[in-house]
Every structure is written in structure tokens, then in C-alpha cells.
C-alpha atoms as a PDB file:
ATOM      1  CA  UNK A   1     -25.565 -13.064 -13.205  1.00  0.00           C
ATOM      2  CA  UNK A   2     -25.122 -16.372 -11.384  1.00  0.00           C
ATOM      3  CA  UNK A   3     -22.595 -16.941  -8.634  1.00  0.00           C
ATOM      4  CA  UNK A   4     -19.278 -18.214  -9.917  1.00  0.00           C
ATOM      5  CA  UNK A   5     -17.061 -17.876  -6.830  1.00  0.00           C
ATOM      6  CA  UNK A   6     -16.921 -20.626  -4.204  1.00  0.00           C
ATOM      7  CA  UNK A   7     -17.003 -20.084  -0.440  1.00  0.00           C
ATOM      8  CA  UNK A   8     -13.274 -20.480   0.157  1.00  0.00           C
ATOM      9  CA  UNK A   9     -12.429 -18.188  -2.758  1.00  0.00           C
ATOM     10  CA  UNK A  10     -14.965 -15.617  -1.514  1.00  0.00           C
ATOM     11  CA  UNK A  11     -13.554 -15.738   2.013  1.00  0.00           C
ATOM     12  CA  UNK A  12     -10.012 -15.259   0.737  1.00  0.00           C
ATOM     13  CA  UNK A  13     -11.138 -12.305  -1.394  1.00  0.00           C
ATOM     14  CA  UNK A  14     -12.881 -10.588   1.532  1.00  0.00           C
ATOM     15  CA  UNK A  15      -9.978 -11.134   3.935  1.00  0.00           C
ATOM     16  CA  UNK A  16      -7.441 -10.012   1.328  1.00  0.00           C
ATOM     17  CA  UNK A  17      -9.570  -7.006   0.433  1.00  0.00           C
ATOM     18  CA  UNK A  18      -9.867  -5.980   4.067  1.00  0.00           C
ATOM     19  CA  UNK A  19      -6.095  -6.324   4.521  1.00  0.00           C
ATOM     20  CA  UNK A  20      -5.475  -4.158   1.459  1.00  0.00           C
ATOM     21  CA  UNK A  21      -8.056  -1.626   2.675  1.00  0.00           C
ATOM     22  CA  UNK A  22      -6.316  -1.352   6.042  1.00  0.00           C
ATOM     23  CA  UNK A  23      -2.942  -0.926   4.341  1.00  0.00           C
ATOM     24  CA  UNK A  24      -4.383   1.717   1.984  1.00  0.00           C
ATOM     25  CA  UNK A  25      -5.909   3.582   4.949  1.00  0.00           C
ATOM     26  CA  UNK A  26      -2.588   3.492   6.815  1.00  0.00           C
ATOM     27  CA  UNK A  27      -0.860   4.841   3.708  1.00  0.00           C
ATOM     28  CA  UNK A  28      -3.508   7.552   3.276  1.00  0.00           C
ATOM     29  CA  UNK A  29      -2.954   8.763   6.845  1.00  0.00           C
ATOM     30  CA  UNK A  30       0.811   8.782   6.364  1.00  0.00           C
ATOM     31  CA  UNK A  31       1.596   5.953   8.750  1.00  0.00           C
ATOM     32  CA  UNK A  32       3.082   3.923   5.896  1.00  0.00           C
ATOM     33  CA  UNK A  33       5.071   5.556   3.115  1.00  0.00           C
ATOM     34  CA  UNK A  34       3.974   4.665  -0.426  1.00  0.00           C
ATOM     35  CA  UNK A  35       3.296   6.790  -3.514  1.00  0.00           C
ATOM     36  CA  UNK A  36      -0.198   8.338  -3.639  1.00  0.00           C
ATOM     37  CA  UNK A  37      -1.033   6.420  -6.826  1.00  0.00           C
ATOM     38  CA  UNK A  38      -0.305   3.171  -5.017  1.00  0.00           C
ATOM     39  CA  UNK A  39      -2.605   4.190  -2.184  1.00  0.00           C
ATOM     40  CA  UNK A  40      -5.471   4.883  -4.565  1.00  0.00           C
ATOM     41  CA  UNK A  41      -4.791   1.684  -6.485  1.00  0.00           C
ATOM     42  CA  UNK A  42      -4.757  -0.376  -3.306  1.00  0.00           C
ATOM     43  CA  UNK A  43      -8.040   1.164  -2.231  1.00  0.00           C
ATOM     44  CA  UNK A  44      -9.716   0.401  -5.553  1.00  0.00           C
ATOM     45  CA  UNK A  45      -8.407  -3.173  -5.608  1.00  0.00           C
ATOM     46  CA  UNK A  46      -9.564  -3.646  -2.006  1.00  0.00           C
ATOM     47  CA  UNK A  47     -13.091  -2.492  -2.830  1.00  0.00           C
ATOM     48  CA  UNK A  48     -13.264  -4.749  -5.892  1.00  0.00           C
ATOM     49  CA  UNK A  49     -12.094  -7.784  -3.907  1.00  0.00           C
ATOM     50  CA  UNK A  50     -14.530  -7.140  -1.072  1.00  0.00           C
ATOM     51  CA  UNK A  51     -17.484  -6.652  -3.440  1.00  0.00           C
ATOM     52  CA  UNK A  52     -16.599  -9.786  -5.419  1.00  0.00           C
ATOM     53  CA  UNK A  53     -16.222 -11.802  -2.231  1.00  0.00           C
ATOM     54  CA  UNK A  54     -19.481 -10.626  -0.697  1.00  0.00           C
ATOM     55  CA  UNK A  55     -21.551 -11.059  -3.877  1.00  0.00           C
ATOM     56  CA  UNK A  56     -19.631 -14.216  -4.900  1.00  0.00           C
ATOM     57  CA  UNK A  57     -19.588 -12.991  -8.493  1.00  0.00           C
ATOM     58  CA  UNK A  58     -16.452 -12.307 -10.509  1.00  0.00           C
ATOM     59  CA  UNK A  59     -16.699 -10.671 -13.927  1.00  0.00           C
ATOM     60  CA  UNK A  60     -13.294 -11.989 -15.000  1.00  0.00           C
ATOM     61  CA  UNK A  61     -14.351 -15.546 -14.101  1.00  0.00           C
ATOM     62  CA  UNK A  62     -17.491 -15.063 -16.184  1.00  0.00           C
ATOM     63  CA  UNK A  63     -15.528 -13.809 -19.207  1.00  0.00           C
ATOM     64  CA  UNK A  64     -13.108 -16.736 -18.929  1.00  0.00           C
ATOM     65  CA  UNK A  65     -15.905 -19.267 -18.351  1.00  0.00           C
ATOM     66  CA  UNK A  66     -14.656 -20.281 -14.894  1.00  0.00           C
ATOM     67  CA  UNK A  67     -17.213 -21.485 -12.335  1.00  0.00           C
ATOM     68  CA  UNK A  68     -15.883 -22.240  -8.842  1.00  0.00           C
ATOM     69  CA  UNK A  69     -19.287 -22.325  -7.170  1.00  0.00           C
ATOM     70  CA  UNK A  70     -20.486 -25.929  -6.793  1.00  0.00           C
ATOM     71  CA  UNK A  71     -24.164 -24.987  -6.180  1.00  0.00           C
ATOM     72  CA  UNK A  72     -26.030 -21.712  -6.741  1.00  0.00           C
END
């Protein structure tokens, strides 16, 4: 699969994923109060965003035919 996520988009995904991961970890340790389902959901979303940002590949972009990467 070719890259379809540009640098800025990838950077935003990684930073956002890390922020969500930190929030999910705080919630898991009880420092922030949220339902347990929300904590698990935040963790999963964080992992997906980080992986998409690092690999610069987004399955949803591929399905929709979006290509934000100017050069492979």
C-alpha cells in the first residue's frame, strides 16, 4: 500500500494520538474520571492514530480515494 498521508497530516495524527494516549493512561490510573469504555476507546483510537501517522498510510483515505501525500 502506498503512502497517502502527507507530513503535516501525519504529524497531527501522531501528536493527537500521543495526547489521547496520555489522557487514556491518566483515566486508566484513576487520575481522570471517565467511564471504562471511554478509556478503552481512547486507547484504541490513540494507537490507530499513532500507527497511521508513523506509517503515513490511512485505510479510510484509501477507500475514499484520498491522497494527501505529494510524493511517495
